[in-house]
Amino acid sequence: MTVAVAVRKHGKVYIAADSLVNFGGQRYREENCQFHKIHRVGTSFVAWAGWSLYAELLTAHLARHDPPELATESQVFDFFVQFWRELRDEFTWTPKTASMGSAPFAELDSTFLLANRSGIFRVAADMDVTEFQQYTAIGSGSKYALGALHVLYHRLDDPAAIAREAVRVGIDCDVYCGGPIDIMEVS
């Protein structure tokens, strides 16, 4: 479970996330186990809400492919389609056909948040890509973080402070979020 946010204001972009590790309701104290949910993909940063296995899967994928430019919804979509195809083809526990459960198309079983100088993108589990101009949030704590982002965006000037406080609200209000806050400035 996760809370991750991205904020763009005054020409600066920040992405922030909690670092709690949670396995089926088991929580681990931060001095015992920290998990960093923000990873660099070329000139972008990506965080996700869902299976922590995606850290290893994304690392393996990027070891095989140069990170592409991810400046548009189309480029982000193409990257995640390529990632999904590799998951389907290279990892035997991933079905070779699209899931017919909740969506008629491919599913990633996680939601991704991607931030770079060009934009803030949310990639849904069904690979729908949406670009945001100011801010967005993902994860189990996202509804609380989005409320905080809505209030703080016009009250605070510092996008880093907005991102950090929104994640803090998600941590405070969602039992599945916690740990130290990781924050990265997109440069």
C-alpha atoms as a PDB file:
ATOM      1  CA  MET A   1       0.000   0.000   0.000  1.00  0.00           C
ATOM      2  CA  THR A   2       1.222   3.435  -0.830  1.00  0.00           C
ATOM      3  CA  VAL A   3       0.686   7.128  -1.025  1.00  0.00           C
ATOM      4  CA  ALA A   4       2.623   8.929  -3.753  1.00  0.00           C
ATOM      5  CA  VAL A   5       2.089  12.432  -5.111  1.00  0.00           C
ATOM      6  CA  ALA A   6       3.521  14.668  -7.799  1.00  0.00           C
ATOM      7  CA  VAL A   7       3.275  18.457  -7.784  1.00  0.00           C
ATOM      8  CA  ARG A   8       4.167  21.055 -10.425  1.00  0.00           C
ATOM      9  CA  LYS A   9       4.276  24.718  -9.463  1.00  0.00           C
ATOM     10  CA  HIS A  10       6.400  27.731 -10.445  1.00  0.00           C
ATOM     11  CA  GLY A  11       8.305  25.665 -13.020  1.00  0.00           C
ATOM     12  CA  LYS A  12       9.368  23.028 -10.477  1.00  0.00           C
ATOM     13  CA  VAL A  13       8.173  19.416 -10.251  1.00  0.00           C
ATOM     14  CA  TYR A  14       8.427  17.162  -7.188  1.00  0.00           C
ATOM     15  CA  ILE A  15       7.432  13.570  -6.586  1.00  0.00           C
ATOM     16  CA  ALA A  16       7.070  12.197  -3.056  1.00  0.00           C
ATOM     17  CA  ALA A  17       6.049   8.859  -1.527  1.00  0.00           C
ATOM     18  CA  ASP A  18       5.846   7.044   1.761  1.00  0.00           C
ATOM     19  CA  SER A  19       8.239   4.147   2.403  1.00  0.00           C
ATOM     20  CA  LEU A  20       6.189   1.686   4.443  1.00  0.00           C
ATOM     21  CA  VAL A  21       6.614  -1.986   3.622  1.00  0.00           C
ATOM     22  CA  ASN A  22       3.404  -3.910   4.142  1.00  0.00           C
ATOM     23  CA  PHE A  23       2.890  -7.595   3.381  1.00  0.00           C
ATOM     24  CA  GLY A  24      -0.718  -8.727   3.737  1.00  0.00           C
ATOM     25  CA  GLY A  25      -1.371  -6.562   6.774  1.00  0.00           C
ATOM     26  CA  GLN A  26       2.051  -7.058   8.347  1.00  0.00           C
ATOM     27  CA  ARG A  27       3.901  -3.791   8.901  1.00  0.00           C
ATOM     28  CA  TYR A  28       7.625  -3.539   9.470  1.00  0.00           C
ATOM     29  CA  ARG A  29       9.242  -0.788  11.500  1.00  0.00           C
ATOM     30  CA  GLU A  30      11.314   1.658   9.453  1.00  0.00           C
ATOM     31  CA  GLU A  31      14.569   0.759  11.222  1.00  0.00           C
ATOM     32  CA  ASN A  32      14.050  -2.866  10.136  1.00  0.00           C
ATOM     33  CA  CYS A  33      12.918  -2.436   6.535  1.00  0.00           C
ATOM     34  CA  GLN A  34      12.700   0.609   4.286  1.00  0.00           C
ATOM     35  CA  PHE A  35      11.469   0.487   0.750  1.00  0.00           C
ATOM     36  CA  HIS A  36      12.042   3.315  -1.688  1.00  0.00           C
ATOM     37  CA  LYS A  37       9.066   3.628  -3.993  1.00  0.00           C
ATOM     38  CA  ILE A  38      10.497   6.312  -6.279  1.00  0.00           C
ATOM     39  CA  HIS A  39      12.822   5.176  -9.070  1.00  0.00           C
ATOM     40  CA  ARG A  40      14.572   7.007 -11.885  1.00  0.00           C
ATOM     41  CA  VAL A  41      13.667   6.138 -15.467  1.00  0.00           C
ATOM     42  CA  GLY A  42      15.964   8.256 -17.625  1.00  0.00           C
ATOM     43  CA  THR A  43      15.046  11.878 -16.901  1.00  0.00           C
ATOM     44  CA  SER A  44      11.789  10.848 -15.206  1.00  0.00           C
ATOM     45  CA  PHE A  45      10.874   9.534 -11.786  1.00  0.00           C
ATOM     46  CA  VAL A  46       8.273   6.836 -11.305  1.00  0.00           C
ATOM     47  CA  ALA A  47       6.450   5.556  -8.224  1.00  0.00           C
ATOM     48  CA  TRP A  48       3.745   2.928  -8.057  1.00  0.00           C
ATOM     49  CA  ALA A  49       0.989   1.662  -5.845  1.00  0.00           C
ATOM     50  CA  GLY A  50       0.590  -2.072  -5.824  1.00  0.00           C
ATOM     51  CA  TRP A  51       2.918  -5.017  -5.778  1.00  0.00           C
ATOM     52  CA  SER A  52       6.424  -4.178  -4.498  1.00  0.00           C
ATOM     53  CA  LEU A  53       7.666  -6.737  -7.029  1.00  0.00           C
ATOM     54  CA  TYR A  54       7.398  -3.957  -9.612  1.00  0.00           C
ATOM     55  CA  ALA A  55      10.657  -2.497  -8.247  1.00  0.00           C
ATOM     56  CA  GLU A  56      12.511  -5.601  -9.389  1.00  0.00           C
ATOM     57  CA  LEU A  57      10.497  -5.958 -12.602  1.00  0.00           C
ATOM     58  CA  LEU A  58      11.059  -2.351 -13.633  1.00  0.00           C
ATOM     59  CA  THR A  59      14.776  -2.605 -12.803  1.00  0.00           C
ATOM     60  CA  ALA A  60      15.052  -5.769 -14.919  1.00  0.00           C
ATOM     61  CA  HIS A  61      13.183  -4.118 -17.793  1.00  0.00           C
ATOM     62  CA  LEU A  62      15.381  -0.998 -17.724  1.00  0.00           C
ATOM     63  CA  ALA A  63      18.535  -3.158 -17.665  1.00  0.00           C
ATOM     64  CA  ARG A  64      17.479  -4.471 -21.088  1.00  0.00           C
ATOM     65  CA  HIS A  65      16.263  -1.199 -22.626  1.00  0.00           C
ATOM     66  CA  ASP A  66      17.487   2.370 -22.705  1.00  0.00           C
ATOM     67  CA  PRO A  67      15.007   4.663 -20.978  1.00  0.00           C
ATOM     68  CA  PRO A  68      12.924   6.442 -23.598  1.00  0.00           C
ATOM     69  CA  GLU A  69      11.812  10.047 -23.625  1.00  0.00           C
ATOM     70  CA  LEU A  70       8.545  10.181 -21.685  1.00  0.00           C
ATOM     71  CA  ALA A  71       7.314  13.670 -22.536  1.00  0.00           C
ATOM     72  CA  THR A  72       3.810  12.899 -23.832  1.00  0.00           C
ATOM     73  CA  GLU A  73       0.885  10.635 -22.973  1.00  0.00           C
ATOM     74  CA  SER A  74       1.643   8.657 -26.125  1.00  0.00           C
ATOM     75  CA  GLN A  75       5.301   8.103 -25.186  1.00  0.00           C
ATOM     76  CA  VAL A  76       4.339   7.081 -21.630  1.00  0.00           C
ATOM     77  CA  PHE A  77       1.700   4.689 -22.993  1.00  0.00           C
ATOM     78  CA  ASP A  78       4.200   3.140 -25.439  1.00  0.00           C
ATOM     79  CA  PHE A  79       6.731   2.607 -22.622  1.00  0.00           C
ATOM     80  CA  PHE A  80       4.197   0.850 -20.414  1.00  0.00           C
ATOM     81  CA  VAL A  81       2.908  -1.303 -23.295  1.00  0.00           C
ATOM     82  CA  GLN A  82       6.503  -2.405 -23.949  1.00  0.00           C
ATOM     83  CA  PHE A  83       6.973  -3.050 -20.208  1.00  0.00           C
ATOM     84  CA  TRP A  84       3.731  -5.063 -20.039  1.00  0.00           C
ATOM     85  CA  ARG A  85       4.687  -7.126 -23.115  1.00  0.00           C
ATOM     86  CA  GLU A  86       8.021  -7.981 -21.568  1.00  0.00           C
ATOM     87  CA  LEU A  87       6.314  -8.996 -18.312  1.00  0.00           C
ATOM     88  CA  ARG A  88       3.896 -11.198 -20.251  1.00  0.00           C
ATOM     89  CA  ASP A  89       6.620 -12.790 -22.390  1.00  0.00           C
ATOM     90  CA  GLU A  90       9.493 -13.105 -19.918  1.00  0.00           C
ATOM     91  CA  PHE A  91       7.844 -14.009 -16.614  1.00  0.00           C
ATOM     92  CA  THR A  92       5.904 -17.244 -16.565  1.00  0.00           C
ATOM     93  CA  TRP A  93       3.508 -16.198 -13.810  1.00  0.00           C
ATOM     94  CA  THR A  94       2.144 -13.438 -16.025  1.00  0.00           C
ATOM     95  CA  PRO A  95      -0.560 -14.704 -18.426  1.00  0.00           C
ATOM     96  CA  LYS A  96       0.263 -14.409 -22.123  1.00  0.00           C
ATOM     97  CA  THR A  97      -3.231 -13.038 -22.780  1.00  0.00           C
ATOM     98  CA  ALA A  98      -4.898  -9.957 -21.393  1.00  0.00           C
ATOM     99  CA  SER A  99      -6.929 -10.336 -18.243  1.00  0.00           C
ATOM    100  CA  MET A 100     -10.647 -10.498 -18.902  1.00  0.00           C
ATOM    101  CA  GLY A 101     -11.535  -9.656 -15.309  1.00  0.00           C
ATOM    102  CA  SER A 102     -12.162  -5.957 -14.804  1.00  0.00           C
ATOM    103  CA  ALA A 103     -10.926  -4.725 -18.173  1.00  0.00           C
ATOM    104  CA  PRO A 104     -10.853  -6.156 -21.694  1.00  0.00           C
ATOM    105  CA  PHE A 105      -7.254  -5.043 -22.194  1.00  0.00           C
ATOM    106  CA  ALA A 106      -3.871  -5.698 -20.613  1.00  0.00           C
ATOM    107  CA  GLU A 107      -3.474  -4.993 -16.916  1.00  0.00           C
ATOM    108  CA  LEU A 108      -0.402  -4.128 -14.874  1.00  0.00           C
ATOM    109  CA  ASP A 109      -1.962  -4.863 -11.452  1.00  0.00           C
ATOM    110  CA  SER A 110      -0.486  -1.596 -10.181  1.00  0.00           C
ATOM    111  CA  THR A 111      -0.989   2.125 -10.688  1.00  0.00           C
ATOM    112  CA  PHE A 112       2.010   4.237 -11.640  1.00  0.00           C
ATOM    113  CA  LEU A 113       2.874   7.897 -11.156  1.00  0.00           C
ATOM    114  CA  LEU A 114       5.463   9.343 -13.503  1.00  0.00           C
ATOM    115  CA  ALA A 115       6.902  12.852 -13.234  1.00  0.00           C
ATOM    116  CA  ASN A 116       9.370  14.718 -15.404  1.00  0.00           C
ATOM    117  CA  ARG A 117       9.946  18.249 -16.704  1.00  0.00           C
ATOM    118  CA  SER A 118       7.329  17.674 -19.414  1.00  0.00           C
ATOM    119  CA  GLY A 119       4.493  16.527 -17.222  1.00  0.00           C
ATOM    120  CA  ILE A 120       2.885  14.510 -14.475  1.00  0.00           C
ATOM    121  CA  PHE A 121       1.315  11.270 -15.679  1.00  0.00           C
ATOM    122  CA  ARG A 122      -0.878   8.693 -13.934  1.00  0.00           C
ATOM    123  CA  VAL A 123      -0.848   5.238 -15.503  1.00  0.00           C
ATOM    124  CA  ALA A 124      -3.812   3.137 -14.355  1.00  0.00           C
ATOM    125  CA  ALA A 125      -3.680  -0.641 -14.007  1.00  0.00           C
ATOM    126  CA  ASP A 126      -5.466  -0.932 -17.379  1.00  0.00           C
ATOM    127  CA  MET A 127      -2.681   1.264 -18.877  1.00  0.00           C
ATOM    128  CA  ASP A 128      -4.877   4.321 -19.346  1.00  0.00           C
ATOM    129  CA  VAL A 129      -2.515   7.325 -19.218  1.00  0.00           C
ATOM    130  CA  THR A 130      -3.710  10.689 -17.894  1.00  0.00           C
ATOM    131  CA  GLU A 131      -1.613  13.857 -17.761  1.00  0.00           C
ATOM    132  CA  PHE A 132      -2.051  16.361 -14.924  1.00  0.00           C
ATOM    133  CA  GLN A 133      -0.976  19.998 -15.010  1.00  0.00           C
ATOM    134  CA  GLN A 134      -0.707  20.744 -11.271  1.00  0.00           C
ATOM    135  CA  TYR A 135      -0.823  17.611  -9.111  1.00  0.00           C
ATOM    136  CA  THR A 136      -2.133  14.107  -8.575  1.00  0.00           C
ATOM    137  CA  ALA A 137      -1.796  11.182  -6.166  1.00  0.00           C
ATOM    138  CA  ILE A 138      -1.956   7.387  -6.254  1.00  0.00           C
ATOM    139  CA  GLY A 139      -2.251   4.592  -3.719  1.00  0.00           C
ATOM    140  CA  SER A 140      -4.441   3.647  -0.792  1.00  0.00           C
ATOM    141  CA  GLY A 141      -3.759   7.041   0.814  1.00  0.00           C
ATOM    142  CA  SER A 142      -4.437   8.978  -2.381  1.00  0.00           C
ATOM    143  CA  LYS A 143      -7.921  10.199  -1.502  1.00  0.00           C
ATOM    144  CA  TYR A 144      -6.529  11.914   1.597  1.00  0.00           C
ATOM    145  CA  ALA A 145      -3.479  13.233  -0.270  1.00  0.00           C
ATOM    146  CA  LEU A 146      -5.679  14.604  -3.067  1.00  0.00           C
ATOM    147  CA  GLY A 147      -7.744  16.509  -0.525  1.00  0.00           C
ATOM    148  CA  ALA A 148      -4.580  17.957   0.955  1.00  0.00           C
ATOM    149  CA  LEU A 149      -3.243  18.828  -2.506  1.00  0.00           C
ATOM    150  CA  HIS A 150      -6.489  20.596  -3.361  1.00  0.00           C
ATOM    151  CA  VAL A 151      -6.260  22.776  -0.240  1.00  0.00           C
ATOM    152  CA  LEU A 152      -2.506  23.324  -0.161  1.00  0.00           C
ATOM    153  CA  TYR A 153      -1.855  24.034  -3.842  1.00  0.00           C
ATOM    154  CA  HIS A 154      -3.214  27.581  -3.683  1.00  0.00           C
ATOM    155  CA  ARG A 155      -2.072  28.253  -0.113  1.00  0.00           C
ATOM    156  CA  LEU A 156       1.609  27.324  -0.311  1.00  0.00           C
ATOM    157  CA  ASP A 157       4.163  28.488  -2.860  1.00  0.00           C
ATOM    158  CA  ASP A 158       6.752  25.724  -2.384  1.00  0.00           C
ATOM    159  CA  PRO A 159       5.871  22.599  -4.423  1.00  0.00           C
ATOM    160  CA  ALA A 160       8.194  20.457  -2.272  1.00  0.00           C
ATOM    161  CA  ALA A 161       6.323  21.521   0.884  1.00  0.00           C
ATOM    162  CA  ILE A 162       2.987  20.812  -0.818  1.00  0.00           C
ATOM    163  CA  ALA A 163       4.112  17.314  -1.880  1.00  0.00           C
ATOM    164  CA  ARG A 164       5.601  16.467   1.516  1.00  0.00           C
ATOM    165  CA  GLU A 165       2.521  17.626   3.436  1.00  0.00           C
ATOM    166  CA  ALA A 166       0.128  15.769   1.112  1.00  0.00           C
ATOM    167  CA  VAL A 167       2.038  12.520   1.672  1.00  0.00           C
ATOM    168  CA  ARG A 168       2.049  13.241   5.418  1.00  0.00           C
ATOM    169  CA  VAL A 169      -1.769  13.558   5.346  1.00  0.00           C
ATOM    170  CA  GLY A 170      -1.994  10.244   3.472  1.00  0.00           C
ATOM    171  CA  ILE A 171       0.234   8.612   6.088  1.00  0.00           C
ATOM    172  CA  ASP A 172      -1.755  10.108   8.962  1.00  0.00           C
ATOM    173  CA  CYS A 173      -5.122   9.014   7.573  1.00  0.00           C
ATOM    174  CA  ASP A 174      -4.460   5.620   5.954  1.00  0.00           C
ATOM    175  CA  VAL A 175      -3.324   2.692   8.093  1.00  0.00           C
ATOM    176  CA  TYR A 176      -1.472   1.145   5.137  1.00  0.00           C
ATOM    177  CA  CYS A 177       0.808   4.153   4.599  1.00  0.00           C
ATOM    178  CA  GLY A 178       3.780   5.141   6.724  1.00  0.00           C
ATOM    179  CA  GLY A 179       7.511   5.440   7.187  1.00  0.00           C
ATOM    180  CA  PRO A 180       9.804   8.263   6.204  1.00  0.00           C
ATOM    181  CA  ILE A 181       8.835  10.351   3.194  1.00  0.00           C
ATOM    182  CA  ASP A 182      11.020  10.159   0.098  1.00  0.00           C
ATOM    183  CA  ILE A 183      10.922  13.266  -2.099  1.00  0.00           C
ATOM    184  CA  MET A 184      12.705  13.964  -5.355  1.00  0.00           C
ATOM    185  CA  GLU A 185      12.982  17.141  -7.377  1.00  0.00           C
ATOM    186  CA  VAL A 186      12.636  16.503 -11.087  1.00  0.00           C
ATOM    187  CA  SER A 187      15.493  18.300 -12.822  1.00  0.00           C
END
